[in-house]
Structures are given as C-alpha cells and as structure tokens.
Amino acid sequence: QKGKVSKNPNKNISFKQRTQAFLEPFTLDVFISKRFVSASLTHRVTSKQVAVAGTNSKDIKAVLQSRSDIPACLAIGRILAERAREADVYTAVYTPRERDKFEGKIRAVVQSLIDNGIDVKVYLD
C-alpha cells in the first residue's frame, strides 16, 4: 500500500512553532574560533544575511591587535550593530548552539550588540 500523505502538513506542529519565525524574523549567529570571530544577522524565512561582521575582513583586521580576544568581540558587536541599523533591523534572537556556553566571548558580542541599540533576546535551553 502507498503511504498516505497528510492533507495538513502542519498538523503536528504547534502554533508557536509555526508563527515564531514570522514574529521574530532575525537570528544572530556567532562563530568564534582560535583565529577569528564572525557574527551575522540572518532572516529566518528567506535565509538571507542582512548584516555580517568578522575579524577576517580587511578594514577590521588592520585596526585590531588580536583577532580573537574580548576587545575584538566587542568591536564585532559594535560594527554588526551599525550595519544592522543601516538595514533597519533593531531586534534579533540568539539561541546558542549545543556545544556553546553563553559566557566569555559570545556574551561579549551579544552584550556589545545590546549596548549599541540592537534588542537581542537570548533563549537558553
């Protein structure tokens, strides 16, 4: 027999899961390695990056002494906030990855965004 295809594919998905991407459309993604720091704001529905900042770019690389310490994280947060405001983005959602802890460098990037006018909701599971 053929497997039945559900007429309503969203039947088992809660209302919150269906509407969350539209109510809070922008997500913050922070990547920190031993050599550099990068952060981006992405639109959930269209998956387009609205604002990007990283310590590997030429303009930022020349100014910083180290590309992976706390002052570099603060600078990335400040620059990302400026670029987000240019793109008319004032709110974002940050959910840390499973292996990431919300402390140290990641917290510095998020706090710098908040200090520079971007409202960031942090969801810790």
N, C-alpha and C. Protein backbone atom coordinates (compact mmCIF):
# COMPACT_ATOMS: atom_id res chain seq x y z
N GLN A 1 0.82 -1.19 0.00
CA GLN A 1 0.00 0.00 0.00
C GLN A 1 0.87 1.25 0.00
N LYS A 2 0.31 2.27 -0.60
CA LYS A 2 1.01 3.56 -0.61
C LYS A 2 0.82 4.24 0.74
N GLY A 3 1.84 4.94 1.16
CA GLY A 3 1.73 5.71 2.40
C GLY A 3 0.85 6.92 2.19
N LYS A 4 0.00 7.20 3.13
CA LYS A 4 -0.91 8.32 3.00
C LYS A 4 -0.15 9.63 3.22
N VAL A 5 -0.46 10.60 2.41
CA VAL A 5 0.11 11.93 2.56
C VAL A 5 -0.91 12.77 3.32
N SER A 6 -0.45 13.39 4.37
CA SER A 6 -1.34 14.20 5.20
C SER A 6 -1.84 15.42 4.42
N LYS A 7 -3.11 15.73 4.58
CA LYS A 7 -3.68 16.90 3.93
C LYS A 7 -3.20 18.18 4.60
N ASN A 8 -2.90 18.11 5.90
CA ASN A 8 -2.44 19.27 6.65
C ASN A 8 -1.04 18.97 7.17
N PRO A 9 0.01 19.43 6.47
CA PRO A 9 1.37 19.10 6.91
C PRO A 9 1.75 19.75 8.24
N ASN A 10 1.04 20.81 8.66
CA ASN A 10 1.36 21.50 9.91
C ASN A 10 0.54 20.97 11.08
N LYS A 11 -0.09 19.84 10.92
CA LYS A 11 -1.00 19.32 11.94
C LYS A 11 -0.29 19.04 13.27
N ASN A 12 0.89 18.47 13.23
CA ASN A 12 1.59 18.09 14.45
C ASN A 12 2.54 19.17 14.96
N ILE A 13 2.56 20.30 14.29
CA ILE A 13 3.43 21.40 14.70
C ILE A 13 2.59 22.40 15.49
N SER A 14 3.11 22.83 16.61
CA SER A 14 2.34 23.75 17.46
C SER A 14 2.22 25.13 16.81
N PHE A 15 1.29 25.91 17.30
CA PHE A 15 1.07 27.26 16.78
C PHE A 15 2.31 28.12 16.98
N LYS A 16 2.96 27.97 18.13
CA LYS A 16 4.16 28.76 18.41
C LYS A 16 5.27 28.44 17.42
N GLN A 17 5.45 27.16 17.08
CA GLN A 17 6.48 26.77 16.13
C GLN A 17 6.18 27.31 14.73
N ARG A 18 4.89 27.37 14.37
CA ARG A 18 4.53 27.87 13.05
C ARG A 18 4.69 29.38 12.93
N THR A 19 4.47 30.11 14.00
CA THR A 19 4.47 31.58 13.92
C THR A 19 5.76 32.22 14.42
N GLN A 20 6.60 31.50 15.10
CA GLN A 20 7.80 32.07 15.72
C GLN A 20 8.71 32.73 14.69
N ALA A 21 8.89 32.10 13.53
CA ALA A 21 9.79 32.65 12.51
C ALA A 21 9.29 33.97 11.95
N PHE A 22 7.98 34.20 12.00
CA PHE A 22 7.43 35.44 11.46
C PHE A 22 7.36 36.53 12.53
N LEU A 23 7.21 36.15 13.81
CA LEU A 23 7.14 37.14 14.87
C LEU A 23 8.52 37.68 15.23
N GLU A 24 9.51 36.82 15.19
CA GLU A 24 10.90 37.21 15.47
C GLU A 24 11.74 36.77 14.29
N PRO A 25 11.78 37.58 13.22
CA PRO A 25 12.34 37.08 11.96
C PRO A 25 13.86 37.04 11.87
N PHE A 26 14.60 37.73 12.72
CA PHE A 26 16.05 37.79 12.55
C PHE A 26 16.77 37.02 13.64
N THR A 27 17.75 36.21 13.24
CA THR A 27 18.54 35.43 14.19
C THR A 27 20.00 35.90 14.15
N LEU A 28 20.63 35.82 15.29
CA LEU A 28 22.04 36.16 15.41
C LEU A 28 22.84 34.87 15.42
N ASP A 29 23.88 34.82 14.60
CA ASP A 29 24.76 33.66 14.57
C ASP A 29 26.17 34.14 14.86
N VAL A 30 26.79 33.58 15.88
CA VAL A 30 28.13 33.97 16.29
C VAL A 30 29.05 32.76 16.16
N PHE A 31 30.17 32.94 15.46
CA PHE A 31 31.15 31.87 15.32
C PHE A 31 32.49 32.37 15.83
N ILE A 32 33.07 31.63 16.78
CA ILE A 32 34.35 32.02 17.37
C ILE A 32 35.31 30.85 17.24
N SER A 33 36.45 31.10 16.62
CA SER A 33 37.49 30.08 16.53
C SER A 33 38.74 30.62 17.22
N LYS A 34 39.80 29.87 17.14
CA LYS A 34 41.06 30.31 17.76
C LYS A 34 41.66 31.50 17.02
N ARG A 35 41.33 31.65 15.74
CA ARG A 35 41.96 32.69 14.92
C ARG A 35 41.09 33.92 14.65
N PHE A 36 39.77 33.74 14.62
CA PHE A 36 38.93 34.88 14.27
C PHE A 36 37.55 34.77 14.89
N VAL A 37 36.80 35.87 14.78
CA VAL A 37 35.43 35.96 15.29
C VAL A 37 34.56 36.48 14.15
N SER A 38 33.39 35.87 13.97
CA SER A 38 32.45 36.39 12.98
C SER A 38 31.04 36.30 13.52
N ALA A 39 30.20 37.23 13.11
CA ALA A 39 28.81 37.25 13.54
C ALA A 39 27.96 37.74 12.38
N SER A 40 26.72 37.25 12.32
CA SER A 40 25.82 37.67 11.26
C SER A 40 24.38 37.68 11.74
N LEU A 41 23.58 38.51 11.12
CA LEU A 41 22.14 38.54 11.34
C LEU A 41 21.48 37.98 10.10
N THR A 42 20.65 36.95 10.28
CA THR A 42 20.02 36.24 9.17
C THR A 42 18.51 36.30 9.30
N HIS A 43 17.83 36.51 8.19
CA HIS A 43 16.37 36.48 8.17
C HIS A 43 15.94 35.02 8.13
N ARG A 44 15.09 34.61 9.07
CA ARG A 44 14.72 33.21 9.21
C ARG A 44 13.95 32.67 8.02
N VAL A 45 13.01 33.45 7.51
CA VAL A 45 12.12 32.95 6.47
C VAL A 45 12.83 32.85 5.12
N THR A 46 13.57 33.90 4.75
CA THR A 46 14.23 33.91 3.44
C THR A 46 15.66 33.39 3.49
N SER A 47 16.22 33.21 4.68
CA SER A 47 17.60 32.73 4.88
C SER A 47 18.63 33.65 4.25
N LYS A 48 18.34 34.94 4.18
CA LYS A 48 19.30 35.90 3.65
C LYS A 48 20.00 36.60 4.80
N GLN A 49 21.30 36.81 4.62
CA GLN A 49 22.07 37.51 5.64
C GLN A 49 21.88 39.01 5.45
N VAL A 50 21.44 39.66 6.52
CA VAL A 50 21.15 41.09 6.47
C VAL A 50 22.39 41.90 6.81
N ALA A 51 23.14 41.45 7.82
CA ALA A 51 24.35 42.16 8.24
C ALA A 51 25.39 41.13 8.66
N VAL A 52 26.64 41.38 8.29
CA VAL A 52 27.73 40.46 8.59
C VAL A 52 28.93 41.27 9.06
N ALA A 53 29.63 40.74 10.06
CA ALA A 53 30.87 41.36 10.53
C ALA A 53 31.82 40.26 10.97
N GLY A 54 33.08 40.42 10.66
CA GLY A 54 34.07 39.42 11.06
C GLY A 54 35.45 40.04 11.14
N THR A 55 36.31 39.44 11.94
CA THR A 55 37.65 39.99 12.11
C THR A 55 38.57 39.61 10.95
N ASN A 56 38.10 38.83 10.00
CA ASN A 56 38.91 38.50 8.83
C ASN A 56 38.82 39.55 7.73
N SER A 57 37.87 40.47 7.81
CA SER A 57 37.74 41.48 6.76
C SER A 57 38.91 42.48 6.86
N LYS A 58 39.28 43.03 5.73
CA LYS A 58 40.47 43.87 5.65
C LYS A 58 40.38 45.12 6.51
N ASP A 59 39.22 45.78 6.54
CA ASP A 59 39.11 47.03 7.28
C ASP A 59 39.21 46.82 8.79
N ILE A 60 38.71 45.71 9.28
CA ILE A 60 38.75 45.43 10.72
C ILE A 60 40.09 44.82 11.12
N LYS A 61 40.65 44.00 10.25
CA LYS A 61 41.90 43.30 10.53
C LYS A 61 43.04 44.28 10.83
N ALA A 62 43.07 45.41 10.12
CA ALA A 62 44.16 46.37 10.28
C ALA A 62 44.08 47.11 11.61
N VAL A 63 42.88 47.26 12.17
CA VAL A 63 42.70 48.06 13.38
C VAL A 63 42.98 47.26 14.65
N LEU A 64 42.66 45.98 14.65
CA LEU A 64 42.77 45.16 15.87
C LEU A 64 44.17 44.61 16.08
N GLN A 65 44.55 44.47 17.35
CA GLN A 65 45.82 43.84 17.67
C GLN A 65 45.71 42.32 17.56
N SER A 66 44.65 41.78 18.15
CA SER A 66 44.40 40.35 18.08
C SER A 66 43.01 40.15 17.49
N ARG A 67 42.84 39.09 16.69
CA ARG A 67 41.55 38.88 16.02
C ARG A 67 40.61 37.96 16.78
N SER A 68 41.01 37.50 17.98
CA SER A 68 40.14 36.54 18.67
C SER A 68 40.01 36.79 20.17
N ASP A 69 40.30 38.00 20.63
CA ASP A 69 40.18 38.25 22.07
C ASP A 69 38.90 39.05 22.36
N ILE A 70 38.70 39.39 23.63
CA ILE A 70 37.47 40.08 24.05
C ILE A 70 37.32 41.45 23.37
N PRO A 71 38.35 42.29 23.27
CA PRO A 71 38.17 43.57 22.55
C PRO A 71 37.76 43.37 21.09
N ALA A 72 38.23 42.30 20.45
CA ALA A 72 37.81 42.01 19.07
C ALA A 72 36.33 41.65 19.05
N CYS A 73 35.86 40.90 20.04
CA CYS A 73 34.44 40.54 20.12
C CYS A 73 33.57 41.78 20.32
N LEU A 74 34.03 42.69 21.16
CA LEU A 74 33.29 43.93 21.38
C LEU A 74 33.23 44.77 20.10
N ALA A 75 34.33 44.80 19.36
CA ALA A 75 34.37 45.55 18.10
C ALA A 75 33.43 44.94 17.07
N ILE A 76 33.38 43.62 17.00
CA ILE A 76 32.49 42.93 16.06
C ILE A 76 31.03 43.24 16.40
N GLY A 77 30.69 43.24 17.68
CA GLY A 77 29.34 43.58 18.10
C GLY A 77 28.96 44.99 17.72
N ARG A 78 29.88 45.93 17.92
CA ARG A 78 29.61 47.33 17.58
C ARG A 78 29.42 47.51 16.07
N ILE A 79 30.29 46.88 15.27
CA ILE A 79 30.21 47.02 13.82
C ILE A 79 28.95 46.33 13.28
N LEU A 80 28.62 45.17 13.83
CA LEU A 80 27.41 44.47 13.39
C LEU A 80 26.16 45.28 13.73
N ALA A 81 26.16 45.93 14.88
CA ALA A 81 25.02 46.77 15.26
C ALA A 81 24.86 47.94 14.29
N GLU A 82 25.97 48.57 13.89
CA GLU A 82 25.90 49.67 12.93
C GLU A 82 25.33 49.19 11.60
N ARG A 83 25.80 48.05 11.12
CA ARG A 83 25.34 47.52 9.84
C ARG A 83 23.88 47.07 9.92
N ALA A 84 23.47 46.56 11.07
CA ALA A 84 22.08 46.14 11.24
C ALA A 84 21.15 47.35 11.24
N ARG A 85 21.56 48.44 11.89
CA ARG A 85 20.74 49.64 11.90
C ARG A 85 20.61 50.24 10.51
N GLU A 86 21.67 50.13 9.69
CA GLU A 86 21.59 50.59 8.31
C GLU A 86 20.57 49.79 7.52
N ALA A 87 20.41 48.51 7.87
CA ALA A 87 19.45 47.63 7.18
C ALA A 87 18.08 47.63 7.86
N ASP A 88 17.84 48.55 8.80
CA ASP A 88 16.58 48.67 9.54
C ASP A 88 16.22 47.42 10.33
N VAL A 89 17.22 46.83 10.98
CA VAL A 89 16.99 45.69 11.86
C VAL A 89 17.32 46.15 13.27
N TYR A 90 16.33 46.06 14.16
CA TYR A 90 16.54 46.53 15.53
C TYR A 90 16.31 45.43 16.57
N THR A 91 15.85 44.26 16.16
CA THR A 91 15.66 43.15 17.08
C THR A 91 16.23 41.88 16.47
N ALA A 92 16.69 40.99 17.34
CA ALA A 92 17.23 39.71 16.89
C ALA A 92 17.04 38.68 18.00
N VAL A 93 17.16 37.43 17.63
CA VAL A 93 17.04 36.32 18.57
C VAL A 93 18.33 35.54 18.52
N TYR A 94 18.87 35.19 19.69
CA TYR A 94 20.08 34.37 19.74
C TYR A 94 19.81 33.11 20.56
N THR A 95 20.05 31.97 19.95
CA THR A 95 19.98 30.68 20.63
C THR A 95 21.34 30.03 20.48
N PRO A 96 22.07 29.80 21.59
CA PRO A 96 23.40 29.20 21.46
C PRO A 96 23.32 27.78 20.92
N ARG A 97 24.36 27.38 20.21
CA ARG A 97 24.44 26.00 19.73
C ARG A 97 24.61 25.08 20.92
N GLU A 98 24.49 23.79 20.67
CA GLU A 98 24.56 22.82 21.78
C GLU A 98 25.91 22.86 22.50
N ARG A 99 26.99 23.02 21.75
CA ARG A 99 28.32 22.98 22.37
C ARG A 99 28.75 24.32 22.96
N ASP A 100 28.03 25.40 22.63
CA ASP A 100 28.41 26.73 23.08
C ASP A 100 27.79 27.05 24.43
N LYS A 101 28.58 27.71 25.26
CA LYS A 101 28.09 28.23 26.53
C LYS A 101 27.96 29.73 26.39
N PHE A 102 26.97 30.30 27.04
CA PHE A 102 26.73 31.74 26.93
C PHE A 102 27.59 32.46 27.96
N GLU A 103 28.87 32.54 27.67
CA GLU A 103 29.81 33.23 28.56
C GLU A 103 31.03 33.64 27.76
N GLY A 104 31.82 34.51 28.32
CA GLY A 104 33.07 34.91 27.69
C GLY A 104 32.89 35.70 26.42
N LYS A 105 33.47 35.20 25.33
CA LYS A 105 33.49 35.93 24.06
C LYS A 105 32.11 36.05 23.43
N ILE A 106 31.31 34.99 23.51
CA ILE A 106 29.97 35.04 22.93
C ILE A 106 29.12 36.07 23.67
N ARG A 107 29.24 36.06 24.98
CA ARG A 107 28.49 37.04 25.78
C ARG A 107 28.96 38.47 25.46
N ALA A 108 30.25 38.64 25.17
CA ALA A 108 30.77 39.96 24.83
C ALA A 108 30.17 40.48 23.52
N VAL A 109 30.04 39.60 22.52
CA VAL A 109 29.45 40.01 21.24
C VAL A 109 27.99 40.41 21.44
N VAL A 110 27.23 39.58 22.16
CA VAL A 110 25.80 39.86 22.37
C VAL A 110 25.62 41.13 23.21
N GLN A 111 26.42 41.30 24.24
CA GLN A 111 26.32 42.48 25.09
C GLN A 111 26.68 43.75 24.32
N SER A 112 27.66 43.65 23.44
CA SER A 112 28.03 44.79 22.62
C SER A 112 26.90 45.17 21.67
N LEU A 113 26.21 44.18 21.12
CA LEU A 113 25.05 44.47 20.27
C LEU A 113 23.96 45.19 21.06
N ILE A 114 23.70 44.70 22.27
CA ILE A 114 22.66 45.31 23.12
C ILE A 114 23.05 46.75 23.48
N ASP A 115 24.32 46.96 23.82
CA ASP A 115 24.78 48.30 24.19
C ASP A 115 24.70 49.29 23.03
N ASN A 116 24.78 48.78 21.79
CA ASN A 116 24.75 49.65 20.62
C ASN A 116 23.38 49.73 19.95
N GLY A 117 22.33 49.35 20.67
CA GLY A 117 20.98 49.64 20.20
C GLY A 117 20.22 48.51 19.54
N ILE A 118 20.74 47.31 19.51
CA ILE A 118 20.02 46.18 18.93
C ILE A 118 19.44 45.36 20.08
N ASP A 119 18.14 45.13 20.08
CA ASP A 119 17.48 44.36 21.12
C ASP A 119 17.64 42.87 20.81
N VAL A 120 18.40 42.16 21.63
CA VAL A 120 18.67 40.75 21.40
C VAL A 120 18.01 39.93 22.49
N LYS A 121 17.14 39.02 22.08
CA LYS A 121 16.52 38.06 23.01
C LYS A 121 17.38 36.81 23.01
N VAL A 122 17.78 36.38 24.18
CA VAL A 122 18.62 35.19 24.29
C VAL A 122 17.77 34.06 24.84
N TYR A 123 17.69 32.97 24.10
CA TYR A 123 16.94 31.79 24.54
C TYR A 123 17.92 30.71 24.97
N LEU A 124 18.02 30.49 26.27
CA LEU A 124 18.87 29.43 26.80
C LEU A 124 18.01 28.23 27.13
N ASP A 125 18.35 27.10 26.57
CA ASP A 125 17.55 25.88 26.84
C ASP A 125 18.09 25.12 28.01
